[in-house]
């Protein structure tokens, strides 16, 4: 029989305050998610409100909180003024006067789901039940246009999630009907079927017949470029085989054309988080979301009510309960404002450090000007934690004079070249891509040869590293890059 004993032990653990948790969650939000979060908070917490008098009160704003800290022992009067405007909003007002930048956006377009369902409505009469089943099938089509779930899986989902008992025959009929819709190839199980669906819609002829034969019966030989086997199986010469490859290469491997019904597909425009632009040799940095963020403050009415109930707290239990409720709401609002300010401060600090480290690239746009940079470099430069820098770089983007980039684009290990200079792995990948693009496709470079060529250009790296970079660039091995002589002419 085991004996129960008591003992004391000391251990360390990390505990986050509600304010810190709020700040971390706020940092991970995109611009659109932040707008929605602010709107939700304004609706849920009456102690938080917009400051509509920002234009006339900028001179009487509170002191800036450069560290973005959140003290628990705060004074209510700190935000009690009608003239209380957060510092992030003051910076926005100043920047509006000196800089205007239009963010490019694309016109709205129907999602793949909407496009397919509208076509299906025209193709065949749909009952309410059939429409619901069809909508569920279409909802399972990926943004590339593929339906990878089996009929059995769809049956189970419809039964347990929608309460619909659908036969395999009914599902198969709807799936086959969807495959007849535009874009051609949509609803296919895999690339082979998608190509076949597209080929069948092309004008009849000998070339189409051969393409259907090679994709339908010799697909593995086709994708692995076993030219001799294909010529023998189809009884054609090298020129005809090259023509066949060219014919099939014009088909779309992603019949969904990138349309989807997910979050990305629904966005009608893309707004980067930062803008970095060169003006007279200087790099100017702007945080785009500040233009959309309303100025927030603690509600003067709630603060007044809190003070009144605080004064009467000893008089009755009702006043004490009211004071507790009001204090909780005011603290939540204060935490939210502090978290928002800390987010703005962290984003500004991080992008400023990245721009300073990669100044040459932001001025030229040349990959060769990218310096090796890891998360620790920016963490040390800003005094922020590496995990914080990681959160920012993984979810935020920047518009430069040369295009829009995710912040993680600027991070990468480095190495020393033959001259002892530090170079970015991204520069090596650019040279590797150029070598492969310029190779003779009749005899493409092996990884060993690519290693030699890179070494000759001052990039002494191992063959396994070349293979790793090639795979990261989604470039196939030499055998699969090989082309027929007829394909390389002209």
Protein backbone atom coordinates (compact mmCIF):
# COMPACT_ATOMS: atom_id res chain seq x y z
CA UNK A 1 0.00 0.00 0.00
CA UNK A 2 1.46 3.30 -1.10
CA UNK A 3 2.06 5.95 1.56
CA UNK A 4 0.76 9.48 1.09
CA UNK A 5 3.27 12.21 1.91
CA UNK A 6 3.48 15.97 1.63
CA UNK A 7 6.51 17.84 0.36
CA UNK A 8 7.41 21.34 -0.78
CA UNK A 9 9.35 22.17 -3.87
CA UNK A 10 10.31 25.34 -5.70
CA UNK A 11 9.89 25.65 -9.43
CA UNK A 12 9.83 28.45 -12.00
CA UNK A 13 7.04 28.93 -14.50
CA UNK A 14 6.13 31.60 -16.99
CA UNK A 15 2.83 33.34 -16.34
CA UNK A 16 1.39 35.93 -18.70
CA UNK A 17 -0.83 38.73 -17.51
CA UNK A 18 -4.13 39.41 -19.30
CA UNK A 19 -2.54 42.54 -20.79
CA UNK A 20 0.40 40.55 -22.20
CA UNK A 21 -1.93 37.93 -23.69
CA UNK A 22 -3.98 40.73 -25.24
CA UNK A 23 -0.86 42.26 -26.79
CA UNK A 24 0.36 38.94 -28.22
CA UNK A 25 -2.99 38.16 -29.80
CA UNK A 26 -3.22 41.68 -31.20
CA UNK A 27 0.22 41.42 -32.79
CA UNK A 28 -0.74 38.33 -34.80
CA UNK A 29 -3.81 39.94 -36.41
CA UNK A 30 -3.82 41.10 -40.02
CA UNK A 31 -5.01 44.61 -40.85
CA UNK A 32 -8.53 43.45 -41.71
CA UNK A 33 -8.72 41.23 -38.64
CA UNK A 34 -7.61 44.15 -36.47
CA UNK A 35 -10.40 46.36 -37.85
CA UNK A 36 -12.94 43.62 -37.07
CA UNK A 37 -11.47 43.15 -33.58
CA UNK A 38 -11.71 46.87 -32.80
CA UNK A 39 -15.30 46.97 -34.03
CA UNK A 40 -16.15 43.95 -31.87
CA UNK A 41 -14.50 45.49 -28.81
CA UNK A 42 -16.38 48.76 -29.30
CA UNK A 43 -19.65 46.83 -29.46
CA UNK A 44 -18.91 44.63 -26.43
CA UNK A 45 -17.35 47.15 -24.06
CA UNK A 46 -19.24 50.43 -23.43
CA UNK A 47 -16.23 51.77 -21.52
CA UNK A 48 -14.32 51.95 -24.81
CA UNK A 49 -15.29 54.49 -27.44
CA UNK A 50 -14.00 56.34 -30.47
CA UNK A 51 -12.63 59.84 -30.07
CA UNK A 52 -14.33 61.85 -32.78
CA UNK A 53 -12.69 65.09 -31.65
CA UNK A 54 -9.18 64.06 -32.68
CA UNK A 55 -8.58 66.90 -35.13
CA UNK A 56 -9.01 69.69 -32.59
CA UNK A 57 -7.29 67.96 -29.69
CA UNK A 58 -3.92 66.93 -31.07
CA UNK A 59 -2.11 69.68 -29.14
CA UNK A 60 -3.39 68.43 -25.79
CA UNK A 61 -2.58 64.77 -26.34
CA UNK A 62 -1.16 62.61 -23.54
CA UNK A 63 2.49 61.72 -23.32
CA UNK A 64 3.74 59.11 -25.73
CA UNK A 65 4.36 55.62 -24.35
CA UNK A 66 7.49 54.73 -26.29
CA UNK A 67 7.88 51.38 -24.56
CA UNK A 68 4.27 50.38 -25.11
CA UNK A 69 4.14 49.18 -21.49
CA UNK A 70 1.01 48.50 -19.48
CA UNK A 71 1.15 49.43 -15.78
CA UNK A 72 -1.53 47.99 -13.58
CA UNK A 73 -1.31 50.92 -11.14
CA UNK A 74 -2.66 53.48 -13.55
CA UNK A 75 -4.53 56.66 -12.74
CA UNK A 76 -8.04 57.03 -14.10
CA UNK A 77 -7.44 60.64 -14.91
CA UNK A 78 -4.79 59.62 -17.42
CA UNK A 79 -7.43 58.85 -20.02
CA UNK A 80 -10.29 60.81 -18.54
CA UNK A 81 -9.90 63.92 -20.70
CA UNK A 82 -11.98 64.57 -23.79
CA UNK A 83 -8.68 65.46 -25.39
CA UNK A 84 -7.11 62.06 -24.77
CA UNK A 85 -5.72 60.73 -28.06
CA UNK A 86 -3.37 57.73 -28.28
CA UNK A 87 0.10 58.49 -29.61
CA UNK A 88 -0.25 56.11 -32.55
CA UNK A 89 -3.10 58.28 -33.85
CA UNK A 90 -1.05 61.47 -33.53
CA UNK A 91 1.69 59.98 -35.70
CA UNK A 92 -0.91 59.01 -38.27
CA UNK A 93 -2.25 62.59 -38.42
CA UNK A 94 1.25 63.95 -38.97
CA UNK A 95 1.98 61.43 -41.72
CA UNK A 96 -1.27 62.15 -43.52
CA UNK A 97 -0.11 65.73 -44.06
CA UNK A 98 3.22 64.72 -45.58
CA UNK A 99 2.46 61.52 -47.46
CA UNK A 100 -0.34 60.04 -49.53
CA UNK A 101 0.00 56.61 -51.11
CA UNK A 102 -2.59 54.68 -53.08
CA UNK A 103 -2.54 50.95 -52.38
CA UNK A 104 -3.09 48.82 -55.50
CA UNK A 105 -6.14 46.61 -55.41
CA UNK A 106 -7.91 44.22 -57.71
CA UNK A 107 -11.55 44.41 -58.68
CA UNK A 108 -13.87 42.00 -56.94
CA UNK A 109 -14.61 38.75 -58.73
CA UNK A 110 -16.89 35.81 -57.98
CA UNK A 111 -15.35 32.97 -56.05
CA UNK A 112 -14.94 29.53 -57.58
CA UNK A 113 -17.88 28.29 -55.48
CA UNK A 114 -20.18 31.04 -56.71
CA UNK A 115 -19.08 30.58 -60.31
CA UNK A 116 -19.73 26.81 -60.29
CA UNK A 117 -23.04 27.01 -58.48
CA UNK A 118 -24.40 29.66 -60.86
CA UNK A 119 -23.43 27.49 -63.85
CA UNK A 120 -25.00 24.44 -62.26
CA UNK A 121 -28.26 26.34 -61.75
CA UNK A 122 -28.34 27.04 -65.49
CA UNK A 123 -27.29 23.52 -66.50
CA UNK A 124 -30.00 21.58 -64.66
CA UNK A 125 -33.05 22.18 -62.45
CA UNK A 126 -32.07 21.90 -58.77
CA UNK A 127 -34.35 21.09 -55.87
CA UNK A 128 -33.52 22.60 -52.47
CA UNK A 129 -32.03 19.30 -51.37
CA UNK A 130 -29.96 18.82 -54.54
CA UNK A 131 -28.75 22.40 -54.33
CA UNK A 132 -27.56 21.85 -50.77
CA UNK A 133 -25.73 18.67 -51.76
CA UNK A 134 -24.19 20.39 -54.80
CA UNK A 135 -23.10 23.33 -52.64
CA UNK A 136 -21.40 20.94 -50.24
CA UNK A 137 -19.57 19.13 -53.06
CA UNK A 138 -18.44 22.42 -54.57
CA UNK A 139 -17.34 23.64 -51.14
CA UNK A 140 -14.92 20.70 -50.98
CA UNK A 141 -13.21 21.66 -54.24
CA UNK A 142 -9.78 23.14 -53.54
CA UNK A 143 -8.69 26.55 -54.76
CA UNK A 144 -6.74 24.77 -57.52
CA UNK A 145 -9.96 23.17 -58.75
CA UNK A 146 -9.52 19.61 -57.45
CA UNK A 147 -12.03 17.43 -55.60
CA UNK A 148 -9.91 14.95 -53.67
CA UNK A 149 -12.54 13.66 -51.24
CA UNK A 150 -14.09 10.33 -52.16
CA UNK A 151 -17.81 9.71 -52.66
CA UNK A 152 -17.86 7.69 -49.43
CA UNK A 153 -16.27 10.52 -47.45
CA UNK A 154 -18.75 13.02 -48.88
CA UNK A 155 -21.62 10.70 -47.97
CA UNK A 156 -20.45 10.46 -44.36
CA UNK A 157 -19.98 14.22 -44.08
CA UNK A 158 -23.40 14.99 -45.50
CA UNK A 159 -25.05 12.50 -43.16
CA UNK A 160 -23.33 13.61 -39.94
CA UNK A 161 -22.94 17.33 -40.62
CA UNK A 162 -26.02 18.17 -42.69
CA UNK A 163 -28.32 15.28 -41.82
CA UNK A 164 -28.70 14.33 -45.49
CA UNK A 165 -28.71 10.68 -46.53
CA UNK A 166 -27.40 10.86 -50.10
CA UNK A 167 -26.78 7.82 -52.28
CA UNK A 168 -23.46 7.21 -54.02
CA UNK A 169 -25.27 7.33 -57.37
CA UNK A 170 -26.69 10.78 -56.66
CA UNK A 171 -23.31 12.11 -55.55
CA UNK A 172 -21.49 10.63 -58.53
CA UNK A 173 -24.05 12.14 -60.92
CA UNK A 174 -23.59 15.63 -59.43
CA UNK A 175 -19.78 15.33 -59.45
CA UNK A 176 -19.77 14.30 -63.11
CA UNK A 177 -22.07 17.22 -63.88
CA UNK A 178 -19.72 19.64 -62.09
CA UNK A 179 -16.85 18.32 -64.23
CA UNK A 180 -18.66 19.60 -67.33
CA UNK A 181 -18.61 23.19 -66.00
CA UNK A 182 -16.06 25.92 -66.59
CA UNK A 183 -13.18 26.22 -66.05
CA UNK A 184 -12.34 23.01 -67.88
CA UNK A 185 -10.84 20.37 -65.59
CA UNK A 186 -12.55 21.57 -62.41
CA UNK A 187 -13.69 18.81 -60.06
CA UNK A 188 -10.97 16.40 -61.17
CA UNK A 189 -9.45 14.00 -58.65
CA UNK A 190 -5.88 14.66 -59.75
CA UNK A 191 -3.74 16.28 -62.44
CA UNK A 192 -4.11 13.36 -64.85
CA UNK A 193 -7.90 13.59 -64.83
CA UNK A 194 -7.79 17.40 -65.03
CA UNK A 195 -5.67 17.20 -68.19
CA UNK A 196 -7.96 14.60 -69.71
CA UNK A 197 -11.04 16.72 -69.03
CA UNK A 198 -9.40 19.67 -70.75
CA UNK A 199 -8.17 17.62 -73.72
CA UNK A 200 -11.67 16.29 -74.38
CA UNK A 201 -12.92 19.86 -74.89
CA UNK A 202 -10.29 20.71 -77.51
CA UNK A 203 -11.05 20.53 -81.26
CA UNK A 204 -10.96 17.01 -82.67
CA UNK A 205 -7.86 15.96 -84.56
CA UNK A 206 -4.88 13.65 -84.60
CA UNK A 207 -2.96 15.72 -82.03
CA UNK A 208 -5.85 15.66 -79.58
CA UNK A 209 -6.21 11.92 -80.06
CA UNK A 210 -2.53 11.38 -79.27
CA UNK A 211 -2.70 13.67 -76.25
CA UNK A 212 -5.68 11.74 -74.89
CA UNK A 213 -3.83 8.47 -75.44
CA UNK A 214 -0.60 9.58 -73.79
CA UNK A 215 -2.29 11.12 -70.73
CA UNK A 216 -4.80 8.29 -70.40
CA UNK A 217 -2.52 5.31 -70.94
CA UNK A 218 1.11 6.47 -70.72
CA UNK A 219 0.91 9.15 -68.05
CA UNK A 220 3.87 7.96 -65.95
CA UNK A 221 6.14 7.82 -68.99
CA UNK A 222 4.94 11.29 -69.96
CA UNK A 223 5.62 13.02 -66.61
CA UNK A 224 8.97 11.25 -66.23
CA UNK A 225 9.97 12.16 -69.80
CA UNK A 226 10.73 8.64 -70.94
CA UNK A 227 10.96 9.79 -74.55
CA UNK A 228 12.05 6.50 -76.08
CA UNK A 229 9.14 4.58 -74.53
CA UNK A 230 6.64 7.21 -75.67
CA UNK A 231 7.94 7.27 -79.25
CA UNK A 232 7.72 3.49 -79.37
CA UNK A 233 4.25 3.28 -77.83
CA UNK A 234 2.78 6.01 -80.04
CA UNK A 235 4.77 5.14 -83.17
CA UNK A 236 5.85 8.76 -83.68
CA UNK A 237 9.18 10.48 -84.29
CA UNK A 238 11.00 13.01 -82.11
CA UNK A 239 9.47 16.04 -83.84
CA UNK A 240 5.94 14.75 -83.36
CA UNK A 241 6.66 13.95 -79.71
CA UNK A 242 7.97 17.48 -79.16
CA UNK A 243 4.79 18.85 -80.75
CA UNK A 244 2.72 16.67 -78.43
CA UNK A 245 4.55 17.94 -75.33
CA UNK A 246 4.04 21.52 -76.46
CA UNK A 247 0.34 20.84 -77.06
CA UNK A 248 -0.17 19.45 -73.56
CA UNK A 249 1.96 22.15 -71.92
CA UNK A 250 -0.69 24.74 -72.85
CA UNK A 251 -3.25 23.02 -70.60
CA UNK A 252 -3.92 24.39 -67.13
CA UNK A 253 -2.51 22.28 -64.25
CA UNK A 254 -4.60 24.34 -61.80
CA UNK A 255 -8.07 24.54 -63.36
CA UNK A 256 -9.41 26.53 -60.42
CA UNK A 257 -7.26 29.43 -61.58
CA UNK A 258 -6.50 30.33 -57.99
CA UNK A 259 -10.15 31.14 -57.20
CA UNK A 260 -11.43 29.90 -53.87
CA UNK A 261 -14.17 30.52 -51.39
CA UNK A 262 -11.72 30.85 -48.54
CA UNK A 263 -10.48 34.00 -46.89
CA UNK A 264 -7.91 34.72 -49.58
CA UNK A 265 -10.39 34.16 -52.39
CA UNK A 266 -12.89 36.54 -50.81
CA UNK A 267 -10.45 39.42 -50.47
CA UNK A 268 -11.15 41.94 -53.20
CA UNK A 269 -7.94 43.79 -52.51
CA UNK A 270 -4.60 43.32 -50.83
CA UNK A 271 -3.21 45.93 -48.50
CA UNK A 272 0.37 45.53 -47.28
CA UNK A 273 1.09 46.31 -43.64
CA UNK A 274 3.97 48.68 -44.34
CA UNK A 275 5.11 51.03 -47.08
CA UNK A 276 8.80 51.76 -47.52
CA UNK A 277 9.65 54.32 -50.16
CA UNK A 278 12.75 56.29 -51.12
CA UNK A 279 12.58 60.08 -51.03
CA UNK A 280 15.74 62.04 -51.80
CA UNK A 281 18.02 59.23 -50.75
CA UNK A 282 16.13 58.64 -47.50
CA UNK A 283 13.86 55.69 -46.77
CA UNK A 284 10.45 56.64 -45.37
CA UNK A 285 8.45 54.04 -43.44
CA UNK A 286 4.67 54.09 -43.06
CA UNK A 287 2.33 51.78 -41.18
CA UNK A 288 -0.68 51.55 -43.49
CA UNK A 289 -3.21 50.24 -40.99
CA UNK A 290 -2.99 53.40 -38.88
CA UNK A 291 -5.10 55.19 -41.47
CA UNK A 292 -7.98 52.81 -40.79
CA UNK A 293 -7.70 52.54 -37.01
CA UNK A 294 -10.05 54.88 -35.14
CA UNK A 295 -8.73 56.92 -32.23
CA UNK A 296 -9.86 55.18 -29.05
CA UNK A 297 -10.31 56.43 -25.50
CA UNK A 298 -11.90 55.46 -22.22
CA UNK A 299 -15.49 56.64 -22.00
CA UNK A 300 -15.68 59.84 -19.89
CA UNK A 301 -19.20 58.82 -18.90
CA UNK A 302 -18.02 55.47 -17.57
CA UNK A 303 -15.11 57.08 -15.75
CA UNK A 304 -17.47 59.56 -14.13
CA UNK A 305 -19.83 56.75 -13.10
CA UNK A 306 -16.89 54.82 -11.66
CA UNK A 307 -15.78 57.78 -9.55
CA UNK A 308 -19.33 58.33 -8.32
CA UNK A 309 -19.82 54.70 -7.28
CA UNK A 310 -16.34 54.61 -5.78
CA UNK A 311 -17.31 57.50 -3.52
CA UNK A 312 -20.52 55.71 -2.47
CA UNK A 313 -18.99 52.23 -2.22
CA UNK A 314 -19.13 52.23 1.57
CA UNK A 315 -22.76 53.27 1.61
CA UNK A 316 -24.35 50.25 -0.03
CA UNK A 317 -23.60 46.85 -1.55
CA UNK A 318 -25.28 47.95 -4.79
CA UNK A 319 -22.72 50.75 -5.22
CA UNK A 320 -19.87 48.32 -4.52
CA UNK A 321 -21.15 45.89 -7.15
CA UNK A 322 -21.62 48.70 -9.64
CA UNK A 323 -18.08 49.93 -8.92
CA UNK A 324 -16.66 46.42 -9.46
CA UNK A 325 -18.48 46.04 -12.79
CA UNK A 326 -17.47 49.50 -14.00
CA UNK A 327 -13.86 49.00 -12.94
CA UNK A 328 -13.69 45.69 -14.80
CA UNK A 329 -15.00 47.26 -18.01
CA UNK A 330 -12.65 50.23 -17.74
CA UNK A 331 -9.65 47.96 -17.11
CA UNK A 332 -10.56 45.85 -20.14
CA UNK A 333 -10.76 48.99 -22.26
CA UNK A 334 -7.42 50.22 -20.93
CA UNK A 335 -5.80 46.87 -21.65
CA UNK A 336 -7.15 46.98 -25.18
CA UNK A 337 -5.85 50.50 -25.83
CA UNK A 338 -2.45 49.59 -24.39
CA UNK A 339 -2.30 46.40 -26.47
CA UNK A 340 -3.12 48.39 -29.60
CA UNK A 341 -0.43 50.94 -28.79
CA UNK A 342 2.08 48.19 -28.06
CA UNK A 343 1.24 46.53 -31.37
CA UNK A 344 1.89 49.76 -33.27
CA UNK A 345 5.13 50.33 -31.40
CA UNK A 346 6.33 46.75 -32.02
CA UNK A 347 5.48 46.87 -35.73
CA UNK A 348 7.23 50.20 -36.19
CA UNK A 349 10.30 49.10 -34.25
CA UNK A 350 10.57 45.82 -36.18
CA UNK A 351 10.18 47.27 -39.68
CA UNK A 352 12.63 50.09 -38.86
CA UNK A 353 15.26 47.53 -37.83
CA UNK A 354 14.66 45.40 -40.94
CA UNK A 355 14.92 48.43 -43.23
CA UNK A 356 18.11 49.56 -41.50
CA UNK A 357 19.63 46.09 -41.90
CA UNK A 358 18.53 45.72 -45.54
CA UNK A 359 18.92 49.38 -46.53
CA UNK A 360 20.83 48.58 -49.73
CA UNK A 361 18.03 46.33 -51.00
CA UNK A 362 15.27 48.85 -50.26
CA UNK A 363 17.23 51.42 -52.27
CA UNK A 364 18.08 49.18 -55.24
CA UNK A 365 15.65 46.27 -55.29
CA UNK A 366 18.54 43.97 -56.26
CA UNK A 367 18.65 40.52 -54.65
CA UNK A 368 22.43 40.75 -54.57
CA UNK A 369 22.08 43.61 -52.09
CA UNK A 370 20.24 41.45 -49.55
CA UNK A 371 22.36 40.85 -46.45
CA UNK A 372 22.21 37.66 -44.40
CA UNK A 373 19.73 38.29 -41.60
CA UNK A 374 18.20 36.02 -38.97
CA UNK A 375 15.55 36.63 -36.33
CA UNK A 376 18.18 37.09 -33.65
CA UNK A 377 19.71 40.03 -35.55
CA UNK A 378 16.46 41.98 -35.43
CA UNK A 379 15.68 40.86 -31.89
CA UNK A 380 19.03 42.23 -30.71
CA UNK A 381 18.58 45.46 -32.66
CA UNK A 382 15.11 46.11 -31.23
CA UNK A 383 15.38 44.60 -27.77
CA UNK A 384 12.33 42.47 -28.55
CA UNK A 385 12.00 38.74 -28.06
CA UNK A 386 12.79 36.44 -30.99
CA UNK A 387 9.27 34.98 -30.81
CA UNK A 388 7.85 38.48 -31.24
CA UNK A 389 9.98 39.12 -34.32
CA UNK A 390 8.88 35.74 -35.69
CA UNK A 391 5.19 36.60 -35.25
CA UNK A 392 5.64 39.89 -37.09
CA UNK A 393 7.73 38.51 -39.94
CA UNK A 394 5.45 35.52 -40.59
CA UNK A 395 2.25 37.50 -40.97
CA UNK A 396 3.14 40.96 -42.26
CA UNK A 397 4.08 42.36 -45.68
CA UNK A 398 5.75 45.49 -47.00
CA UNK A 399 5.23 47.49 -50.19
CA UNK A 400 8.51 48.78 -51.61
CA UNK A 401 9.39 50.76 -54.71
CA UNK A 402 10.12 47.40 -56.37
CA UNK A 403 7.12 45.30 -55.33
CA UNK A 404 5.37 43.78 -52.32
CA UNK A 405 7.22 41.27 -50.12
CA UNK A 406 6.41 39.27 -47.02
CA UNK A 407 8.77 40.30 -44.23
CA UNK A 408 10.06 36.73 -43.97
CA UNK A 409 11.50 37.23 -47.48
CA UNK A 410 14.27 39.34 -45.95
CA UNK A 411 15.37 36.66 -43.50
CA UNK A 412 17.89 34.05 -44.50
CA UNK A 413 21.18 32.48 -43.49
CA UNK A 414 24.38 33.64 -45.11
CA UNK A 415 27.83 32.43 -46.04
CA UNK A 416 31.20 33.82 -46.98
CA UNK A 417 32.23 33.84 -50.62
CA UNK A 418 35.78 33.38 -51.90
CA UNK A 419 36.55 37.03 -51.19
CA UNK A 420 35.42 36.78 -47.59
CA UNK A 421 32.25 38.79 -48.14
CA UNK A 422 29.01 37.82 -46.44
CA UNK A 423 26.29 36.92 -48.94
CA UNK A 424 22.64 35.92 -48.56
CA UNK A 425 21.39 32.45 -49.45
CA UNK A 426 18.71 34.21 -51.48
CA UNK A 427 21.45 35.57 -53.76
CA UNK A 428 22.82 32.05 -54.20
CA UNK A 429 19.34 30.78 -55.09
CA UNK A 430 18.98 33.56 -57.66
CA UNK A 431 22.25 32.54 -59.34
CA UNK A 432 21.21 28.86 -59.18
CA UNK A 433 17.90 29.72 -60.89
CA UNK A 434 19.73 31.66 -63.60
CA UNK A 435 22.08 28.74 -64.25
CA UNK A 436 19.19 26.29 -64.65
CA UNK A 437 17.20 28.70 -66.83
CA UNK A 438 20.21 29.17 -69.10
CA UNK A 439 21.21 25.53 -69.40
CA UNK A 440 20.95 23.44 -72.56
CA UNK A 441 17.67 21.60 -72.01
CA UNK A 442 18.89 18.73 -74.17
CA UNK A 443 21.62 18.09 -71.57
CA UNK A 444 20.62 19.85 -68.32
CA UNK A 445 23.15 20.33 -65.54
CA UNK A 446 23.40 17.67 -62.85
CA UNK A 447 23.61 18.80 -59.24
CA UNK A 448 27.34 18.01 -59.33
CA UNK A 449 27.82 20.30 -62.33
CA UNK A 450 25.72 23.04 -60.74
CA UNK A 451 27.95 22.80 -57.65
CA UNK A 452 31.03 23.31 -59.85
CA UNK A 453 29.49 26.27 -61.69
CA UNK A 454 28.46 27.97 -58.45
CA UNK A 455 31.96 27.47 -57.04
CA UNK A 456 33.43 29.08 -60.19
CA UNK A 457 31.20 32.12 -59.53
CA UNK A 458 32.43 32.46 -55.96
CA UNK A 459 29.80 30.45 -54.12
CA UNK A 460 31.56 27.40 -52.64
CA UNK A 461 28.72 25.23 -51.37
CA UNK A 462 28.26 21.48 -51.10
CA UNK A 463 26.30 19.39 -53.63
CA UNK A 464 23.70 18.44 -51.01
CA UNK A 465 23.18 22.16 -50.36
CA UNK A 466 22.65 22.73 -54.08
CA UNK A 467 20.08 19.93 -54.11
CA UNK A 468 18.33 21.44 -51.08
CA UNK A 469 18.16 24.92 -52.66
CA UNK A 470 16.95 23.44 -55.96
CA UNK A 471 14.13 21.62 -54.17
CA UNK A 472 13.19 24.77 -52.25
CA UNK A 473 12.93 26.57 -55.59
CA UNK A 474 10.65 23.76 -56.86
CA UNK A 475 13.08 22.95 -59.68
CA UNK A 476 13.12 19.28 -60.75
CA UNK A 477 16.20 17.09 -61.11
CA UNK A 478 18.15 17.16 -64.37
CA UNK A 479 16.35 14.15 -65.86
CA UNK A 480 12.97 15.86 -65.55
CA UNK A 481 14.29 19.15 -66.95
CA UNK A 482 15.44 17.44 -70.12
CA UNK A 483 13.68 18.49 -73.33
CA UNK A 484 13.62 17.06 -76.83
CA UNK A 485 15.91 18.73 -79.41
CA UNK A 486 12.84 19.87 -81.34
CA UNK A 487 11.53 21.68 -78.25
CA UNK A 488 14.67 23.76 -77.83
CA UNK A 489 14.70 25.25 -81.34
CA UNK A 490 13.67 28.86 -81.92
